[in-house]
Amino acid sequence: MAEDVLLVAARERVVTSFGDIRRNIADVSVEGLNWKPGPETNSLTAITTHAIGATRNWLCIAVAAPWPERDRASEFRATSEDAGALVSYLDGIEADCLRLIDEARDIDWSATRKGLRPGQEISAAWALVNGVDHLREHVGQLFLTRQLWEQQAGR
């Protein structure tokens, strides 16, 4: 059976994105992980927690896997007590995401899936592409937030 090129591409983008996240948070102090650039903005910890939780959710939808327990609202209130714990959490979610991709077989990308909002119906392909796109959007926010942290901290 030939590899599903869509899953191969998604896997590569997920691996790259999780690596980018890891590089943005691994050597930041607890203060930096929890710092917010302003009111109505998110910390590195909150962005990370939300981005990886949402990615896992979208991948579950795409490959028709059971949805994990998730409290989206709490992701934006997440704080870190140490970078190691946040990186460990990231590692665990990355493993889940890669397992979902690696175990997916014979996906009908035009199949209809239940979306996140009540009554929402989307294609499996839309869920996969949206999940990867959403992840990349938050990776960009992490880069910017880290730059702002370093600038205000005089680094």
Protein backbone atom coordinates (compact mmCIF):
# COMPACT_ATOMS: atom_id res chain seq x y z
CA MET A 1 0.00 0.00 0.00
CA ALA A 2 1.34 3.42 -0.95
CA GLU A 3 1.94 6.04 1.70
CA ASP A 4 -0.71 8.71 2.06
CA VAL A 5 1.19 11.80 0.91
CA LEU A 6 -1.14 14.10 2.84
CA LEU A 7 -0.30 12.32 6.10
CA VAL A 8 3.42 12.31 5.25
CA ALA A 9 3.29 16.09 4.69
CA ALA A 10 1.25 16.68 7.85
CA ARG A 11 3.67 14.60 9.90
CA GLU A 12 6.63 16.63 8.65
CA ARG A 13 4.89 19.93 9.50
CA VAL A 14 3.88 18.66 12.96
CA VAL A 15 7.44 17.49 13.74
CA THR A 16 8.88 20.81 12.52
CA SER A 17 6.31 22.82 14.47
CA PHE A 18 6.79 20.95 17.73
CA GLY A 19 10.56 21.41 17.32
CA ASP A 20 10.02 25.15 16.81
CA ILE A 21 7.88 25.29 19.95
CA ARG A 22 10.49 23.37 21.93
CA ARG A 23 13.23 25.78 20.84
CA ASN A 24 11.07 28.74 21.88
CA ILE A 25 10.36 27.53 25.40
CA ALA A 26 13.21 25.22 26.47
CA ASP A 27 15.64 27.84 27.77
CA VAL A 28 13.20 30.49 28.98
CA SER A 29 12.87 31.30 32.68
CA VAL A 30 9.61 30.66 34.52
CA GLU A 31 9.06 34.42 34.53
CA GLY A 32 9.47 34.52 30.75
CA LEU A 33 7.18 31.53 30.19
CA ASN A 34 4.40 33.22 32.16
CA TRP A 35 4.96 36.81 30.94
CA LYS A 36 2.29 38.43 28.76
CA PRO A 37 3.09 41.27 26.37
CA GLY A 38 -0.05 43.10 27.47
CA PRO A 39 -3.62 42.70 28.65
CA GLU A 40 -5.64 40.48 26.26
CA THR A 41 -2.48 38.64 25.14
CA ASN A 42 -1.13 35.21 26.00
CA SER A 43 2.06 33.93 27.57
CA LEU A 44 4.43 31.43 25.98
CA THR A 45 2.94 28.78 28.26
CA ALA A 46 -0.65 29.57 27.30
CA ILE A 47 0.12 29.70 23.58
CA THR A 48 2.00 26.40 23.79
CA THR A 49 -0.70 24.67 25.83
CA HIS A 50 -3.46 25.82 23.50
CA ALA A 51 -1.58 25.13 20.26
CA ILE A 52 -0.67 21.56 21.09
CA GLY A 53 -4.06 20.72 22.61
CA ALA A 54 -5.87 22.05 19.56
CA THR A 55 -3.51 20.21 17.20
CA ARG A 56 -4.20 16.89 18.88
CA ASN A 57 -7.93 17.59 18.73
CA TRP A 58 -7.87 18.47 15.00
CA LEU A 59 -5.80 15.38 14.20
CA CYS A 60 -8.32 13.21 16.07
CA ILE A 61 -11.09 14.71 13.98
CA ALA A 62 -9.13 14.23 10.74
CA VAL A 63 -8.39 10.54 11.31
CA ALA A 64 -11.68 9.73 13.09
CA ALA A 65 -10.04 8.93 16.44
CA PRO A 66 -11.76 9.50 19.79
CA TRP A 67 -11.38 13.04 21.07
CA PRO A 68 -9.21 13.46 24.17
CA GLU A 69 -10.43 15.24 27.28
CA ARG A 70 -9.81 18.93 26.73
CA ASP A 71 -10.68 22.16 28.55
CA ARG A 72 -9.95 24.80 25.90
CA ALA A 73 -10.65 27.75 28.19
CA SER A 74 -8.11 26.56 30.76
CA GLU A 75 -5.39 26.40 28.10
CA PHE A 76 -5.34 30.20 28.02
CA ARG A 77 -4.95 30.36 31.82
CA ALA A 78 -2.10 27.85 31.92
CA THR A 79 1.05 28.83 33.77
CA SER A 80 4.42 27.11 34.17
CA GLU A 81 6.35 26.37 37.30
CA ASP A 82 9.37 25.19 35.31
CA ALA A 83 10.35 24.85 31.68
CA GLY A 84 11.10 21.15 32.05
CA ALA A 85 7.52 20.29 32.93
CA LEU A 86 6.20 22.27 29.96
CA VAL A 87 8.66 20.56 27.60
CA SER A 88 7.67 17.15 29.02
CA TYR A 89 4.00 17.97 28.42
CA LEU A 90 4.88 19.07 24.87
CA ASP A 91 6.76 15.80 24.31
CA GLY A 92 3.77 13.74 25.42
CA ILE A 93 1.31 15.56 23.18
CA GLU A 94 3.76 15.35 20.26
CA ALA A 95 3.96 11.57 20.73
CA ASP A 96 0.14 11.40 20.73
CA CYS A 97 -0.05 13.49 17.55
CA LEU A 98 2.54 11.41 15.73
CA ARG A 99 0.83 8.19 16.81
CA LEU A 100 -2.46 9.47 15.38
CA ILE A 101 -0.77 10.23 12.06
CA ASP A 102 1.30 7.04 11.96
CA GLU A 103 -1.62 4.75 12.79
CA ALA A 104 -4.02 6.38 10.30
CA ARG A 105 -4.93 4.10 7.42
CA ASP A 106 -7.11 4.46 4.34
CA ILE A 107 -8.50 7.90 5.19
CA ASP A 108 -11.25 9.12 2.90
CA TRP A 109 -10.29 12.78 2.91
CA SER A 110 -13.71 13.78 1.61
CA ALA A 111 -15.51 12.05 4.50
CA THR A 112 -17.63 14.30 6.68
CA ARG A 113 -16.59 14.76 10.28
CA LYS A 114 -18.20 16.44 13.27
CA GLY A 115 -16.42 19.74 13.91
CA LEU A 116 -15.74 21.43 17.20
CA ARG A 117 -18.82 23.66 17.15
CA PRO A 118 -22.30 22.20 17.60
CA GLY A 119 -23.73 21.23 14.23
CA GLN A 120 -20.47 21.92 12.39
CA GLU A 121 -19.60 19.42 9.67
CA ILE A 122 -16.25 19.47 7.90
CA SER A 123 -14.24 17.15 5.69
CA ALA A 124 -11.44 15.02 7.08
CA ALA A 125 -9.05 16.93 4.80
CA TRP A 126 -10.26 20.28 6.14
CA ALA A 127 -9.67 19.11 9.73
CA LEU A 128 -6.12 17.99 8.91
CA VAL A 129 -5.15 21.12 6.97
CA ASN A 130 -6.78 23.41 9.53
CA GLY A 131 -5.02 21.64 12.41
CA VAL A 132 -1.58 22.05 10.84
CA ASP A 133 -2.33 25.64 9.77
CA HIS A 134 -3.57 26.53 13.27
CA LEU A 135 -0.42 25.04 14.79
CA ARG A 136 1.83 27.07 12.48
CA GLU A 137 -0.09 30.26 13.31
CA HIS A 138 0.64 29.75 16.99
CA VAL A 139 4.29 28.92 16.31
CA GLY A 140 4.55 32.38 14.75
CA GLN A 141 2.95 33.89 17.84
CA LEU A 142 5.47 32.07 20.02
CA PHE A 143 8.39 33.50 18.03
CA LEU A 144 6.98 37.01 18.35
CA THR A 145 6.11 36.67 22.06
CA ARG A 146 9.59 35.37 22.82
CA GLN A 147 11.14 38.29 20.91
CA LEU A 148 9.00 40.74 22.87
CA TRP A 149 9.99 39.05 26.15
CA GLU A 150 13.66 39.28 25.30
CA GLN A 151 13.36 42.89 24.18
CA GLN A 152 11.59 44.06 27.33
CA ALA A 153 13.95 42.01 29.51
CA GLY A 154 16.95 43.66 27.84
CA ARG A 155 18.32 40.41 26.45
